[in-house]
Amino acid sequence: MPNSTQKPRPFRLDLIVIALLVVGVLLAVVLFQLFRTPSDDASASSSRLNLSSVSSSEPASSSEPPSTSESPSPNTPEQPNTGANTGTNTSTNTNTSVQNPVTTSTVDNSMFDDAVFMGDSRTRGLIIYNELDNVRDYSSEGLNVSRVLNPKSTDPPSLAEMQKDPSFQKVYIAFGINELTWPNSGVFFQRYKEIIDRIRAIQPNATIYVQSILPVTKKRSEKGDYFNNPRIKEYNEKLQQMAQEKQVKYLNVAEIMMTKDGALPDEASSDGIHLNRTYCAKWLDYLRSHTT
């Protein structure tokens, strides 16, 4: 008669270990999802909040290269925070001449009550640092001459706004640093002329001031890219010729912003391009003494 007693099954320790490992992995995944924060993503995003000079934007047209948005960004070392128009210096530069506040008389600034300022964020820094709350500010980070004529959704609708209220009497224009990367400089000057023509059509009695492109520091100029002082000098010579051709005023602001070798002084900027508060004050003083 067969033995009805069955032998007990052997204890499978290996299966239990595998099961515990699976449960551990699943638990780790769940805990990771529960306790993960967006800090990593935020850090990655903030690292892209840029020196816009090294980022590229889309081409304005098929005839132009992409703009590098070399104009000062609100997040650059020498650009004030554009989120609040307080004129507060957010520079981290330890140079005391940068940190010392520069006050501007509101009486002196009253001469700009009827003025329009149009330009990239170099102009934006000029306005914020000098607290020019009384002007029409059509400046923006990365703005170039093509985007004035065909603005993006994030650009100031300058020409459209000027058309709605043509009571302005002065227009200060400063472009060129972004457009230095364009292989065909003729496109830049053609667009510039179109802007002047559009402004004149809106307000024939307005005085239009074309400002020279400000230099960069020697160190920045020697990096070997488009943003160099010989190229800026070449563009400024053509800008002066264009101003004569279009019969508008040419303001050579660059002449007070350079050393003997034609470069922006090191003390003027911590990144070689964007002006600090002290030099934005010098810029404004130049406009006061050279315009009416």
Protein backbone atom coordinates (compact mmCIF):
# COMPACT_ATOMS: atom_id res chain seq x y z
CA MET A 1 0.00 0.00 0.00
CA PRO A 2 1.52 3.36 -1.00
CA ASN A 3 2.58 5.67 1.78
CA SER A 4 0.00 8.46 2.05
CA THR A 5 2.31 10.71 3.98
CA GLN A 6 3.59 13.52 1.70
CA LYS A 7 6.96 15.16 2.19
CA PRO A 8 6.73 18.95 2.89
CA ARG A 9 7.79 21.23 0.03
CA PRO A 10 11.22 22.76 0.44
CA PHE A 11 11.35 26.38 1.67
CA ARG A 12 12.03 28.63 -1.40
CA LEU A 13 14.10 31.42 0.12
CA ASP A 14 15.16 32.65 -3.31
CA LEU A 15 11.56 33.45 -4.33
CA ILE A 16 10.97 35.40 -1.17
CA VAL A 17 14.11 37.44 -1.76
CA ILE A 18 13.04 38.21 -5.33
CA ALA A 19 9.58 39.24 -4.16
CA LEU A 20 11.04 41.53 -1.53
CA LEU A 21 13.31 43.14 -4.10
CA VAL A 22 10.37 43.81 -6.44
CA VAL A 23 8.36 45.32 -3.61
CA GLY A 24 11.35 47.45 -2.60
CA VAL A 25 11.78 48.80 -6.13
CA LEU A 26 8.10 49.63 -6.44
CA LEU A 27 8.12 51.35 -3.06
CA ALA A 28 11.18 53.39 -4.02
CA VAL A 29 9.45 54.55 -7.23
CA VAL A 30 6.33 55.56 -5.34
CA LEU A 31 8.32 57.48 -2.71
CA PHE A 32 10.33 59.24 -5.40
CA GLN A 33 7.17 60.43 -7.12
CA LEU A 34 5.61 61.54 -3.85
CA PHE A 35 8.56 63.52 -2.55
CA ARG A 36 10.04 64.86 -5.78
CA THR A 37 10.14 68.68 -5.99
CA PRO A 38 10.43 70.91 -9.06
CA SER A 39 13.69 72.33 -7.80
CA ASP A 40 15.79 70.53 -10.38
CA ASP A 41 13.60 71.77 -13.20
CA ALA A 42 13.61 75.25 -11.72
CA SER A 43 17.37 75.23 -11.48
CA ALA A 44 17.67 74.17 -15.10
CA SER A 45 15.28 76.90 -16.14
CA SER A 46 17.05 79.56 -14.12
CA SER A 47 20.36 78.59 -15.65
CA ARG A 48 18.86 79.46 -19.00
CA LEU A 49 17.73 82.88 -17.77
CA ASN A 50 20.55 84.10 -19.59
CA LEU A 51 23.00 86.32 -20.68
CA SER A 52 21.00 86.79 -23.83
CA SER A 53 24.19 87.50 -25.69
CA VAL A 54 24.89 83.80 -25.96
CA SER A 55 21.40 82.68 -26.86
CA SER A 56 19.93 82.78 -30.33
CA SER A 57 16.47 83.69 -31.45
CA GLU A 58 14.55 82.99 -34.61
CA PRO A 59 15.44 84.81 -37.83
CA ALA A 60 13.38 87.89 -38.52
CA SER A 61 13.14 87.06 -42.19
CA SER A 62 14.61 84.75 -44.78
CA SER A 63 17.13 87.44 -45.72
CA GLU A 64 18.53 87.75 -42.21
CA PRO A 65 20.46 85.45 -39.89
CA PRO A 66 19.17 84.73 -36.43
CA SER A 67 19.59 87.50 -33.90
CA THR A 68 21.80 86.63 -30.97
CA SER A 69 19.93 89.02 -28.68
CA GLU A 70 23.20 90.57 -27.61
CA SER A 71 21.40 93.42 -25.94
CA PRO A 72 21.27 93.35 -22.20
CA SER A 73 18.87 90.96 -20.62
CA PRO A 74 17.05 91.80 -17.38
CA ASN A 75 19.02 88.94 -15.87
CA THR A 76 22.49 90.00 -16.94
CA PRO A 77 24.94 91.23 -14.28
CA GLU A 78 24.69 94.85 -15.40
CA GLN A 79 20.99 95.05 -16.21
CA PRO A 80 18.41 96.12 -13.67
CA ASN A 81 15.43 93.90 -13.00
CA THR A 82 12.81 94.98 -15.51
CA GLY A 83 10.06 93.51 -13.43
CA ALA A 84 9.96 96.68 -11.34
CA ASN A 85 10.84 100.07 -12.74
CA THR A 86 12.66 101.25 -9.62
CA GLY A 87 16.10 102.01 -10.98
CA THR A 88 17.64 99.78 -8.31
CA ASN A 89 21.10 98.51 -9.14
CA THR A 90 21.10 94.71 -9.09
CA SER A 91 24.70 94.41 -10.26
CA THR A 92 26.95 92.03 -8.40
CA ASN A 93 30.01 93.98 -9.47
CA THR A 94 32.13 94.93 -6.45
CA ASN A 95 33.37 98.12 -8.07
CA THR A 96 32.26 100.93 -5.78
CA SER A 97 31.60 103.21 -8.73
CA VAL A 98 28.97 100.72 -9.88
CA GLN A 99 27.28 100.37 -6.51
CA ASN A 100 27.08 104.05 -5.65
CA PRO A 101 23.60 105.37 -6.55
CA VAL A 102 23.39 108.04 -9.21
CA THR A 103 20.47 110.39 -8.73
CA THR A 104 18.87 112.17 -11.64
CA SER A 105 17.00 115.43 -11.31
CA THR A 106 13.39 115.15 -12.40
CA VAL A 107 13.65 118.75 -13.59
CA ASP A 108 16.49 117.80 -15.93
CA ASN A 109 14.52 114.79 -17.10
CA SER A 110 11.51 116.92 -17.98
CA MET A 111 13.11 117.62 -21.33
CA PHE A 112 12.21 114.03 -22.24
CA ASP A 113 8.50 114.41 -21.45
CA ASP A 114 7.67 114.38 -25.15
CA ALA A 115 10.30 111.78 -26.08
CA VAL A 116 10.18 108.25 -27.43
CA PHE A 117 13.04 105.84 -26.68
CA MET A 118 13.39 102.91 -29.03
CA GLY A 119 16.07 100.26 -28.74
CA ASP A 120 17.27 96.98 -27.32
CA SER A 121 17.85 96.35 -23.64
CA ARG A 122 20.87 98.60 -23.53
CA THR A 123 18.29 101.33 -23.91
CA ARG A 124 16.13 99.54 -21.37
CA GLY A 125 18.97 99.81 -18.86
CA LEU A 126 19.35 103.52 -19.65
CA ILE A 127 15.69 104.13 -18.88
CA ILE A 128 15.48 102.05 -15.71
CA TYR A 129 18.75 103.11 -14.11
CA ASN A 130 17.95 106.79 -14.72
CA GLU A 131 14.29 106.39 -13.70
CA LEU A 132 12.95 107.89 -16.92
CA ASP A 133 9.34 107.17 -16.07
CA ASN A 134 8.18 110.15 -18.12
CA VAL A 135 9.25 108.80 -21.53
CA ARG A 136 7.58 106.46 -23.96
CA ASP A 137 9.64 103.34 -23.54
CA TYR A 138 9.69 101.14 -26.65
CA SER A 139 12.79 99.19 -25.67
CA SER A 140 12.96 95.45 -25.16
CA GLU A 141 15.47 92.66 -24.65
CA GLY A 142 16.73 91.32 -27.94
CA LEU A 143 14.85 93.89 -30.00
CA ASN A 144 16.25 94.60 -33.45
CA VAL A 145 15.25 96.74 -36.41
CA SER A 146 13.31 93.97 -38.14
CA ARG A 147 11.24 93.24 -35.04
CA VAL A 148 10.30 96.91 -34.82
CA LEU A 149 8.78 96.66 -38.28
CA ASN A 150 7.30 93.19 -37.65
CA PRO A 151 6.99 92.83 -33.88
CA LYS A 152 6.68 89.53 -32.08
CA SER A 153 3.94 89.12 -29.50
CA THR A 154 6.46 89.91 -26.76
CA ASP A 155 7.81 93.05 -28.44
CA PRO A 156 6.54 96.58 -27.76
CA PRO A 157 4.15 97.62 -30.56
CA SER A 158 6.08 100.85 -30.93
CA LEU A 159 4.99 102.02 -34.37
CA ALA A 160 1.37 101.06 -33.77
CA GLU A 161 1.33 102.93 -30.44
CA MET A 162 3.00 105.95 -31.99
CA GLN A 163 0.34 105.95 -34.68
CA LYS A 164 -2.39 106.03 -32.02
CA ASP A 165 -0.81 108.99 -30.23
CA PRO A 166 1.53 111.04 -32.44
CA SER A 167 2.04 113.79 -29.85
CA PHE A 168 5.75 112.98 -29.36
CA GLN A 169 8.38 115.47 -30.51
CA LYS A 170 11.64 113.58 -30.04
CA VAL A 171 12.65 110.01 -30.93
CA TYR A 172 15.88 108.47 -29.64
CA ILE A 173 16.83 105.30 -31.52
CA ALA A 174 19.65 102.92 -30.57
CA PHE A 175 20.07 99.66 -32.45
CA GLY A 176 22.96 97.64 -33.82
CA ILE A 177 24.46 95.37 -31.19
CA ASN A 178 22.11 92.49 -32.05
CA GLU A 179 22.50 93.03 -35.75
CA LEU A 180 26.29 92.76 -35.70
CA THR A 181 25.87 89.02 -36.36
CA TRP A 182 24.00 89.58 -39.62
CA PRO A 183 26.31 88.72 -42.53
CA ASN A 184 24.54 91.27 -44.73
CA SER A 185 24.87 94.60 -42.97
CA GLY A 186 22.86 96.20 -45.76
CA VAL A 187 19.73 94.57 -44.35
CA PHE A 188 20.29 96.34 -41.03
CA PHE A 189 20.64 99.78 -42.59
CA GLN A 190 17.71 99.25 -44.93
CA ARG A 191 15.44 98.30 -42.03
CA TYR A 192 16.75 101.25 -40.04
CA LYS A 193 15.82 103.61 -42.84
CA GLU A 194 12.35 102.09 -43.03
CA ILE A 195 11.84 102.79 -39.32
CA ILE A 196 12.84 106.42 -39.82
CA ASP A 197 10.44 106.73 -42.74
CA ARG A 198 7.61 105.20 -40.72
CA ILE A 199 8.21 107.59 -37.83
CA ARG A 200 8.27 110.58 -40.15
CA ALA A 201 5.00 109.49 -41.72
CA ILE A 202 3.43 109.36 -38.26
CA GLN A 203 4.91 112.62 -36.92
CA PRO A 204 6.68 114.77 -39.51
CA ASN A 205 7.64 117.40 -36.94
CA ALA A 206 9.48 115.07 -34.59
CA THR A 207 13.25 115.32 -34.25
CA ILE A 208 14.83 111.89 -34.76
CA TYR A 209 18.12 111.05 -33.08
CA VAL A 210 20.14 108.06 -34.29
CA GLN A 211 22.63 106.98 -31.64
CA SER A 212 25.93 105.27 -32.29
CA ILE A 213 26.50 101.68 -31.20
CA LEU A 214 28.33 101.65 -27.88
CA PRO A 215 31.64 99.78 -27.77
CA VAL A 216 32.38 96.63 -25.80
CA THR A 217 35.31 96.08 -23.47
CA LYS A 218 38.68 95.05 -24.86
CA LYS A 219 38.38 91.59 -23.35
CA ARG A 220 34.95 91.07 -24.91
CA SER A 221 36.12 92.43 -28.25
CA GLU A 222 39.01 89.98 -28.37
CA LYS A 223 36.84 86.89 -27.98
CA GLY A 224 36.88 86.47 -31.74
CA ASP A 225 33.17 86.69 -32.57
CA TYR A 226 31.06 89.39 -34.21
CA PHE A 227 30.92 91.54 -31.11
CA ASN A 228 34.17 93.40 -31.56
CA ASN A 229 35.05 97.06 -31.62
CA PRO A 230 36.47 97.22 -35.16
CA ARG A 231 33.13 95.95 -36.45
CA ILE A 232 31.23 98.38 -34.22
CA LYS A 233 33.37 101.24 -35.53
CA GLU A 234 32.59 100.19 -39.10
CA TYR A 235 28.86 100.11 -38.38
CA ASN A 236 28.98 103.50 -36.67
CA GLU A 237 30.62 105.08 -39.70
CA LYS A 238 27.78 103.73 -41.84
CA LEU A 239 25.21 104.87 -39.29
CA GLN A 240 26.56 108.40 -39.49
CA GLN A 241 26.35 108.30 -43.28
CA MET A 242 22.80 106.98 -43.06
CA ALA A 243 21.84 109.78 -40.67
CA GLN A 244 23.17 112.35 -43.11
CA GLU A 245 21.32 110.71 -45.96
CA LYS A 246 18.03 110.62 -44.05
CA GLN A 247 18.64 114.10 -42.58
CA VAL A 248 18.28 113.06 -38.97
CA LYS A 249 20.49 113.88 -35.99
CA TYR A 250 23.42 111.58 -35.27
CA LEU A 251 24.51 111.28 -31.63
CA ASN A 252 27.98 109.81 -31.19
CA VAL A 253 27.41 108.57 -27.63
CA ALA A 254 30.23 106.07 -28.14
CA GLU A 255 32.80 108.87 -27.97
CA ILE A 256 32.35 109.21 -24.19
CA MET A 257 32.20 105.46 -23.62
CA MET A 258 35.63 104.41 -24.83
CA THR A 259 39.23 104.31 -23.80
CA LYS A 260 42.11 105.43 -26.00
CA ASP A 261 42.03 102.08 -27.78
CA GLY A 262 38.35 102.46 -28.61
CA ALA A 263 37.03 99.99 -26.05
CA LEU A 264 34.46 100.30 -23.30
CA PRO A 265 36.29 100.77 -19.96
CA ASP A 266 36.39 97.64 -17.82
CA GLU A 267 34.79 99.56 -14.96
CA ALA A 268 31.72 100.27 -17.09
CA SER A 269 30.49 96.69 -17.25
CA SER A 270 30.97 93.35 -15.57
CA ASP A 271 30.20 91.33 -18.71
CA GLY A 272 31.86 93.57 -21.28
CA ILE A 273 28.65 94.71 -22.97
CA HIS A 274 25.97 95.90 -20.57
CA LEU A 275 26.41 99.28 -18.92
CA ASN A 276 26.21 99.71 -15.18
CA ARG A 277 24.37 102.50 -13.40
CA THR A 278 27.25 104.97 -13.50
CA TYR A 279 27.74 104.69 -17.24
CA CYS A 280 24.01 104.81 -17.93
CA ALA A 281 24.06 108.14 -16.09
CA LYS A 282 26.90 109.31 -18.36
CA TRP A 283 24.83 108.28 -21.36
CA LEU A 284 21.87 110.32 -20.17
CA ASP A 285 24.07 113.35 -19.47
CA TYR A 286 25.32 113.14 -23.03
CA LEU A 287 21.75 113.14 -24.37
CA ARG A 288 20.89 116.15 -22.21
CA SER A 289 23.86 118.16 -23.48
CA HIS A 290 23.59 117.17 -27.13
CA THR A 291 19.87 117.35 -27.78
CA THR A 292 17.22 120.04 -27.54
